[in-house]
Protein backbone atom coordinates (compact mmCIF):
# COMPACT_ATOMS: atom_id res chain seq x y z
CA MET A 1 39.48 0.44 -60.10
CA ARG A 2 42.86 0.65 -58.44
CA LYS A 3 45.75 2.30 -60.23
CA GLY A 4 47.74 -0.95 -60.46
CA GLU A 5 44.76 -2.74 -61.98
CA ALA A 6 44.25 0.04 -64.51
CA VAL A 7 47.94 -0.03 -65.46
CA PHE A 8 47.82 -3.81 -65.89
CA VAL A 9 44.72 -3.66 -68.11
CA HIS A 10 46.09 -0.79 -70.20
CA LEU A 11 49.52 -2.41 -70.65
CA SER A 12 48.05 -5.76 -71.60
CA ALA A 13 45.58 -4.10 -73.98
CA GLY A 14 48.45 -2.14 -75.52
CA LEU A 15 50.44 -5.35 -76.03
CA VAL A 16 47.50 -7.16 -77.60
CA ILE A 17 46.52 -4.21 -79.80
CA GLY A 18 50.10 -3.41 -80.84
CA SER A 19 51.10 -6.99 -81.62
CA GLY A 20 47.80 -7.66 -83.39
CA LEU A 21 48.08 -4.56 -85.56
CA ALA A 22 51.73 -5.28 -86.38
CA TRP A 23 50.90 -8.89 -87.24
CA ALA A 24 47.92 -7.86 -89.39
CA LEU A 25 49.97 -5.28 -91.27
CA MET A 26 52.63 -7.90 -91.97
CA ILE A 27 49.98 -10.25 -93.33
CA TRP A 28 48.05 -7.69 -95.40
CA LEU A 29 50.60 -5.11 -96.52
CA VAL A 30 54.05 -6.69 -96.67
CA VAL A 31 54.98 -8.37 -99.94
CA PRO A 32 57.53 -11.15 -99.43
CA GLU A 33 60.76 -11.03 -101.42
CA ASP A 34 60.44 -14.74 -102.18
CA PRO A 35 57.13 -15.58 -103.90
CA ASP A 36 57.24 -19.07 -102.34
CA ALA A 37 57.69 -17.76 -98.78
CA LEU A 38 55.26 -18.94 -96.13
CA ILE A 39 55.51 -15.64 -94.24
CA ASN A 40 55.59 -12.08 -95.50
CA HIS A 41 58.02 -10.66 -92.93
CA ARG A 42 60.70 -12.30 -90.80
CA TRP A 43 59.11 -10.97 -87.58
CA GLN A 44 55.64 -12.27 -88.43
CA PRO A 45 55.94 -15.43 -86.26
CA GLN A 46 57.15 -13.35 -83.30
CA MET A 47 54.22 -10.93 -83.65
CA GLN A 48 51.81 -13.85 -83.82
CA ALA A 49 53.35 -15.38 -80.70
CA ALA A 50 53.31 -12.04 -78.86
CA HIS A 51 49.65 -11.50 -79.75
CA ILE A 52 48.58 -14.99 -78.69
CA LEU A 53 50.64 -14.86 -75.47
CA ALA A 54 49.46 -11.35 -74.50
CA ALA A 55 45.73 -12.03 -75.01
CA PRO A 56 45.28 -14.11 -71.82
CA PHE A 57 46.81 -11.28 -69.78
CA LEU A 58 44.20 -8.89 -71.18
CA LEU A 59 41.45 -11.37 -70.35
CA PHE A 60 42.83 -11.81 -66.84
CA GLY A 61 42.99 -8.03 -66.41
CA ILE A 62 39.43 -7.53 -67.60
CA GLY A 63 38.26 -10.33 -65.34
CA MET A 64 40.12 -8.71 -62.45
CA VAL A 65 38.25 -5.42 -62.83
CA TRP A 66 34.92 -6.80 -64.09
CA ARG A 67 32.90 -6.57 -60.87
CA LYS A 68 34.52 -3.45 -59.40
CA HIS A 69 34.57 -1.44 -62.62
CA VAL A 70 32.41 -2.83 -65.42
CA LEU A 71 29.34 -3.93 -63.44
CA TYR A 72 29.63 -1.00 -61.03
CA LYS A 73 29.81 1.55 -63.86
CA TRP A 74 27.11 -0.21 -65.83
CA ARG A 75 24.68 0.17 -62.95
CA GLY A 76 25.42 3.78 -62.11
CA GLY A 77 28.15 5.32 -64.27
CA GLU A 78 28.06 8.19 -66.70
CA PRO A 79 25.60 7.49 -69.56
CA THR A 80 27.96 8.36 -72.45
CA ARG A 81 30.76 6.17 -71.16
CA ARG A 82 28.38 3.35 -70.30
CA ARG A 83 27.50 2.96 -73.99
CA SER A 84 31.12 2.51 -75.03
CA GLY A 85 31.79 0.27 -72.03
CA LEU A 86 28.79 -1.88 -72.93
CA GLN A 87 30.05 -2.16 -76.51
CA LEU A 88 33.46 -3.23 -75.20
CA ALA A 89 31.84 -5.85 -72.97
CA LEU A 90 29.67 -7.22 -75.79
CA LEU A 91 32.45 -7.24 -78.39
CA LEU A 92 34.97 -8.91 -76.10
CA PRO A 93 33.56 -12.48 -76.27
CA VAL A 94 33.09 -12.21 -80.04
CA MET A 95 36.68 -11.05 -80.47
CA VAL A 96 38.11 -13.64 -78.06
CA PHE A 97 36.20 -16.69 -79.26
CA SER A 98 36.78 -15.90 -82.93
CA GLY A 99 40.50 -15.50 -82.19
CA TYR A 100 40.65 -18.88 -80.50
CA PHE A 101 38.53 -20.46 -83.22
CA ILE A 102 41.05 -19.32 -85.86
CA GLN A 103 43.62 -21.51 -84.12
CA VAL A 104 41.46 -24.64 -83.89
CA ALA A 105 39.33 -24.49 -87.04
CA SER A 106 40.14 -27.36 -89.36
CA GLY A 107 38.15 -26.33 -92.42
CA GLU A 108 39.35 -23.51 -94.66
CA ASN A 109 35.91 -21.88 -94.87
CA SER A 110 35.34 -21.93 -91.12
CA ARG A 111 38.84 -20.53 -90.51
CA GLN A 112 38.28 -17.72 -93.01
CA LEU A 113 34.92 -16.90 -91.41
CA ALA A 114 36.58 -16.80 -87.98
CA GLN A 115 39.29 -14.51 -89.37
CA ILE A 116 36.74 -12.09 -90.82
CA VAL A 117 34.77 -12.03 -87.56
CA HIS A 118 37.98 -11.60 -85.54
CA TYR A 119 39.33 -8.79 -87.73
CA ALA A 120 36.01 -6.91 -87.78
CA SER A 121 35.29 -7.28 -84.06
CA SER A 122 38.90 -6.42 -83.17
CA ILE A 123 38.95 -3.25 -85.24
CA TRP A 124 35.59 -2.21 -83.78
CA TRP A 125 36.80 -3.06 -80.24
CA ILE A 126 40.00 -1.02 -80.68
CA LEU A 127 38.06 2.02 -81.93
CA VAL A 128 35.56 1.79 -79.06
CA TRP A 129 38.44 1.21 -76.57
CA LEU A 130 40.11 4.40 -77.78
CA GLN A 131 36.85 6.36 -77.67
CA HIS A 132 36.05 5.02 -74.19
CA HIS A 133 39.39 6.14 -72.78
CA LEU A 134 39.80 9.34 -74.75
CA SER A 135 36.32 10.51 -73.67
CA ARG A 136 37.54 10.29 -70.05
CA CYS A 137 40.48 12.54 -70.88
CA LEU A 138 38.30 15.00 -72.77
CA LEU A 139 35.65 15.18 -70.04
CA ARG A 140 38.14 16.32 -67.38
């Protein structure tokens, strides 16, 4: 993977992870001053927009490096990193499709199920992403 490609993937992942975590914390932890408020924090809509707008860049970046990095490493890379990379590759469609389904689901139950799947797969993906990249730093 070229350095520019790696920077693009890491920056877009950082934007998606950062905006998603900020948005989630605003939803789960912030108590609105007005009990009738539709949002918990005044920046909540901006974090939602940032998360939704950054996600396609991450997908583009992963698609850009898929053949040269993911498939190449999967066929002959280091065994310990291949496991985390495989988890990232398998979790990605679950995370992406559940995120899009949250936006288009019309029923409350289906939307809540999509949220649970998205939250769980996203948290798992972030932890594996960190492990995948920190293991590279630790192995040097």
